Amino acid sequence: MKPYLKYALISFGISSVLTLISFLTGLDKSNSSQYFGWASLLLSIVFMVMCVKETRILLYSGFITFGQAFRSLLSMVVISSLLTGIFMYLYLKVINPSLIEYTREQQALEMEKQGLSQEAIDKALSISENFTSPEMMALTGLLGGIIIGIILALIISAIMKKENPELIV
């Protein structure tokens, strides 16, 4: 199995398990849920580094250019993000549909704390309703995952490149 596919599947699997643990423990509707997100991001970075190391050893005899590392990580990010987008859609549509309503309620409470009128809150919530459907949240997660993944892939590729001295002119 290609390293990018292997680590995309591992990253997706662990991220999904963390999401399910958060749901099963009730932490998805608390301030603690952000820690699962940070843990998932940190693990993704670790898996990206491992992907480049394994790609460098298995495919390029211990050396890897920036472009080779970036292509491998981009493949990993796209696959993992697509799988995560599909999972998030199913999670929000089937497993935990109440999370969307909880999120809307939290938004309303925050607006009340800021002193907004009920009319302004209702208007803001009706606008945000278009963006908090399972479909839009999955799409936003997919695009966000790809964008953040590309940024991380650029950084990691730049740090981990190891040019073959015999090919440098």
Protein backbone atom coordinates (compact mmCIF):
# COMPACT_ATOMS: atom_id res chain seq x y z
CA MET A 1 0.00 0.00 0.00
CA LYS A 2 1.32 3.45 -0.88
CA PRO A 3 2.34 5.45 2.21
CA TYR A 4 -0.02 8.33 1.39
CA LEU A 5 -3.00 5.95 1.27
CA LYS A 6 -1.93 4.13 4.42
CA TYR A 7 -1.58 7.33 6.44
CA ALA A 8 -4.73 8.89 4.97
CA LEU A 9 -6.71 5.89 6.18
CA ILE A 10 -5.03 5.89 9.59
CA SER A 11 -5.55 9.64 10.03
CA PHE A 12 -9.20 9.39 8.96
CA GLY A 13 -9.79 6.38 11.19
CA ILE A 14 -8.37 7.97 14.31
CA SER A 15 -10.14 11.27 13.67
CA SER A 16 -13.44 9.41 13.25
CA VAL A 17 -12.89 7.39 16.41
CA LEU A 18 -12.14 10.58 18.37
CA THR A 19 -15.36 12.12 17.04
CA LEU A 20 -17.36 9.06 18.08
CA ILE A 21 -15.72 9.00 21.53
CA SER A 22 -16.64 12.66 21.93
CA PHE A 23 -20.25 11.84 21.00
CA LEU A 24 -20.52 8.74 23.21
CA THR A 25 -19.11 10.52 26.25
CA GLY A 26 -21.24 13.62 25.73
CA LEU A 27 -18.19 15.81 25.29
CA ASP A 28 -19.38 16.85 21.83
CA LYS A 29 -21.73 19.30 23.54
CA SER A 30 -19.20 20.82 25.91
CA ASN A 31 -16.21 23.10 25.77
CA SER A 32 -13.99 20.02 25.98
CA SER A 33 -14.82 19.04 22.39
CA GLN A 34 -12.22 21.47 21.10
CA TYR A 35 -9.49 19.29 22.63
CA PHE A 36 -10.52 16.40 20.40
CA GLY A 37 -10.10 18.70 17.40
CA TRP A 38 -6.64 19.78 18.51
CA ALA A 39 -5.64 16.18 19.18
CA SER A 40 -6.85 15.18 15.73
CA LEU A 41 -4.86 18.02 14.12
CA LEU A 42 -1.71 17.10 16.03
CA LEU A 43 -2.06 13.45 15.05
CA SER A 44 -2.56 14.47 11.42
CA ILE A 45 0.74 16.35 11.51
CA VAL A 46 2.48 13.31 13.02
CA PHE A 47 1.03 11.07 10.29
CA MET A 48 2.10 13.53 7.60
CA VAL A 49 5.66 13.42 8.88
CA MET A 50 5.55 9.62 9.01
CA CYS A 51 4.17 9.55 5.47
CA VAL A 52 7.09 11.59 4.13
CA LYS A 53 9.63 9.47 6.02
CA GLU A 54 8.15 6.24 4.71
CA THR A 55 7.81 7.60 1.17
CA ARG A 56 11.42 8.76 1.24
CA ILE A 57 12.66 5.32 2.32
CA LEU A 58 10.38 3.05 0.29
CA LEU A 59 10.15 4.95 -2.98
CA TYR A 60 13.18 7.21 -3.25
CA SER A 61 16.13 5.39 -1.64
CA GLY A 62 16.31 7.68 1.38
CA PHE A 63 16.01 10.94 -0.54
CA ILE A 64 12.99 13.06 -1.43
CA THR A 65 12.54 16.37 -3.20
CA PHE A 66 10.13 19.03 -2.08
CA GLY A 67 7.83 18.16 -5.00
CA GLN A 68 7.83 14.44 -4.27
CA ALA A 69 7.06 15.04 -0.59
CA PHE A 70 4.35 17.57 -1.41
CA ARG A 71 2.64 15.27 -3.97
CA SER A 72 2.58 12.44 -1.45
CA LEU A 73 1.16 14.66 1.29
CA LEU A 74 -1.35 16.28 -1.05
CA SER A 75 -2.65 12.82 -1.97
CA MET A 76 -2.88 11.93 1.70
CA VAL A 77 -4.73 15.17 2.54
CA VAL A 78 -7.25 14.88 -0.30
CA ILE A 79 -8.10 11.24 0.47
CA SER A 80 -8.35 11.84 4.21
CA SER A 81 -10.44 15.01 3.73
CA LEU A 82 -12.84 13.29 1.32
CA LEU A 83 -13.37 10.41 3.73
CA THR A 84 -13.78 12.81 6.65
CA GLY A 85 -16.31 14.89 4.70
CA ILE A 86 -18.39 11.79 4.00
CA PHE A 87 -18.11 10.68 7.63
CA MET A 88 -19.11 14.15 8.93
CA TYR A 89 -22.16 14.19 6.69
CA LEU A 90 -23.26 10.79 8.02
CA TYR A 91 -22.36 11.78 11.58
CA LEU A 92 -24.45 14.96 11.45
CA LYS A 93 -27.29 13.46 9.43
CA VAL A 94 -27.65 10.04 11.10
CA ILE A 95 -25.52 9.56 14.22
CA ASN A 96 -25.73 12.94 15.95
CA PRO A 97 -28.23 15.26 14.23
CA SER A 98 -28.91 17.06 17.52
CA LEU A 99 -25.41 18.57 17.39
CA ILE A 100 -26.52 21.07 14.75
CA GLU A 101 -29.38 22.33 16.91
CA TYR A 102 -27.06 22.49 19.91
CA THR A 103 -24.60 24.55 17.86
CA ARG A 104 -27.37 26.98 16.83
CA GLU A 105 -28.48 27.32 20.46
CA GLN A 106 -24.91 28.10 21.52
CA GLN A 107 -24.67 30.74 18.79
CA ALA A 108 -27.89 32.34 20.06
CA LEU A 109 -26.58 32.36 23.65
CA GLU A 110 -23.34 34.02 22.53
CA MET A 111 -25.29 36.70 20.66
CA GLU A 112 -27.46 37.31 23.74
CA LYS A 113 -24.30 37.76 25.84
CA GLN A 114 -23.12 40.36 23.33
CA GLY A 115 -26.36 42.27 23.89
CA LEU A 116 -27.97 41.77 20.50
CA SER A 117 -31.72 42.21 20.21
CA GLN A 118 -33.95 39.18 19.69
CA GLU A 119 -34.73 40.44 16.19
CA ALA A 120 -31.01 40.61 15.31
CA ILE A 121 -30.42 37.16 16.80
CA ASP A 122 -33.32 35.67 14.82
CA LYS A 123 -32.03 37.25 11.61
CA ALA A 124 -28.47 36.03 12.20
CA LEU A 125 -29.69 32.52 13.01
CA SER A 126 -31.85 32.37 9.89
CA ILE A 127 -28.82 33.32 7.80
CA SER A 128 -26.55 30.82 9.57
CA GLU A 129 -29.15 28.08 9.12
CA ASN A 130 -28.09 27.82 5.46
CA PHE A 131 -24.53 27.10 6.56
CA THR A 132 -25.25 24.68 9.40
CA SER A 133 -26.92 21.88 7.47
CA PRO A 134 -25.13 18.52 7.45
CA GLU A 135 -24.35 19.01 3.76
CA MET A 136 -22.79 22.46 4.21
CA MET A 137 -20.91 21.49 7.34
CA ALA A 138 -19.47 18.42 5.57
CA LEU A 139 -18.52 20.55 2.55
CA THR A 140 -16.96 23.22 4.75
CA GLY A 141 -15.04 20.54 6.64
CA LEU A 142 -13.85 19.01 3.37
CA LEU A 143 -12.62 22.31 1.97
CA GLY A 144 -11.15 23.42 5.30
CA GLY A 145 -9.34 20.11 5.67
CA ILE A 146 -7.86 20.43 2.20
CA ILE A 147 -6.77 24.05 2.70
CA ILE A 148 -5.21 23.43 6.11
CA GLY A 149 -3.71 20.19 4.78
CA ILE A 150 -2.09 22.00 1.84
CA ILE A 151 -0.56 24.58 4.16
CA LEU A 152 0.79 21.86 6.45
CA ALA A 153 1.99 19.84 3.44
CA LEU A 154 3.96 22.83 2.15
CA ILE A 155 5.61 23.38 5.52
CA ILE A 156 6.36 19.71 6.18
CA SER A 157 7.65 19.15 2.63
CA ALA A 158 9.99 22.13 2.94
CA ILE A 159 11.33 20.88 6.27
CA MET A 160 11.62 17.20 5.37
CA LYS A 161 13.02 17.37 1.84
CA LYS A 162 16.31 15.55 1.50
CA GLU A 163 17.96 16.06 -1.86
CA ASN A 164 20.21 13.35 -3.31
CA PRO A 165 23.70 14.95 -3.37
CA GLU A 166 24.59 12.93 -6.48
CA LEU A 167 21.79 14.65 -8.43
CA ILE A 168 22.58 18.20 -7.33
CA VAL A 169 24.46 20.00 -10.11
